[in-house]
Amino acid sequence: MSIVTINMIKGRSNELKEKVIINVSKTIADTLSIPIERVSITINESEKENVGIGGVVASKTDIKI
């Protein structure tokens, strides 16, 4: 079993997160030569206030999600 955790800032659509899960799962399965059923993906979402980028709180930047 391969377990992958993805951390991202909140705000992306469910459809986009589904695409991430599908594409990352395929890539991991292909790279490791394992069945895709043995790949587990978890997405953790954080508020901008809880993320720092370059020493600045993300909510104080113009970062686009």
Protein backbone atom coordinates (compact mmCIF):
# COMPACT_ATOMS: atom_id res chain seq x y z
CA MET A 1 0.00 0.00 0.00
CA SER A 2 1.26 3.46 -0.87
CA ILE A 3 -0.15 6.31 1.19
CA VAL A 4 0.08 9.88 -0.12
CA THR A 5 -0.94 13.00 1.79
CA ILE A 6 -1.48 16.27 -0.07
CA ASN A 7 -1.69 19.52 1.87
CA MET A 8 -3.29 22.50 0.16
CA ILE A 9 -5.03 25.76 0.88
CA LYS A 10 -8.84 25.52 1.00
CA GLY A 11 -10.90 26.75 -1.89
CA ARG A 12 -10.53 24.28 -4.74
CA SER A 13 -13.62 22.61 -6.15
CA ASN A 14 -14.47 18.97 -5.48
CA GLU A 15 -14.07 18.31 -9.21
CA LEU A 16 -10.51 19.65 -9.18
CA LYS A 17 -9.60 17.65 -6.07
CA GLU A 18 -10.98 14.53 -7.76
CA LYS A 19 -8.70 15.19 -10.76
CA VAL A 20 -5.73 15.53 -8.40
CA ILE A 21 -6.60 12.22 -6.71
CA ILE A 22 -6.99 10.43 -10.06
CA ASN A 23 -3.80 11.81 -11.60
CA VAL A 24 -1.60 11.35 -8.53
CA SER A 25 -2.93 7.82 -8.04
CA LYS A 26 -2.16 6.91 -11.65
CA THR A 27 1.32 8.40 -11.44
CA ILE A 28 2.19 6.61 -8.19
CA ALA A 29 0.81 3.29 -9.47
CA ASP A 30 2.69 3.57 -12.78
CA THR A 31 5.95 4.69 -11.16
CA LEU A 32 5.91 1.96 -8.51
CA SER A 33 4.43 -0.68 -10.82
CA ILE A 34 1.60 -1.43 -8.40
CA PRO A 35 -2.17 -1.72 -8.88
CA ILE A 36 -3.93 1.62 -8.53
CA GLU A 37 -6.14 -0.01 -5.88
CA ARG A 38 -3.09 -0.06 -3.61
CA VAL A 39 -2.71 3.73 -3.68
CA SER A 40 -4.38 5.80 -0.96
CA ILE A 41 -4.63 9.58 -1.30
CA THR A 42 -5.66 11.97 1.48
CA ILE A 43 -6.12 15.70 0.90
CA ASN A 44 -5.78 17.97 3.91
CA GLU A 45 -7.03 21.51 3.45
CA SER A 46 -5.93 24.49 5.50
CA GLU A 47 -7.27 28.00 5.80
CA LYS A 48 -4.97 30.69 4.37
CA GLU A 49 -4.54 32.01 7.92
CA ASN A 50 -2.82 28.74 8.86
CA VAL A 51 -0.29 28.63 6.01
CA GLY A 52 2.96 30.54 5.69
CA ILE A 53 4.69 31.11 2.37
CA GLY A 54 8.10 32.74 2.32
CA GLY A 55 7.70 33.81 5.94
CA VAL A 56 4.36 35.54 5.29
CA VAL A 57 0.91 34.33 6.31
CA ALA A 58 -0.82 33.29 3.06
CA SER A 59 -3.91 35.34 3.88
CA LYS A 60 -1.72 38.46 3.65
CA THR A 61 -0.45 37.60 0.17
CA ASP A 62 -2.01 37.72 -3.26
CA ILE A 63 -1.50 33.96 -3.70
CA LYS A 64 -4.06 32.37 -5.98
CA ILE A 65 -5.39 28.93 -5.21
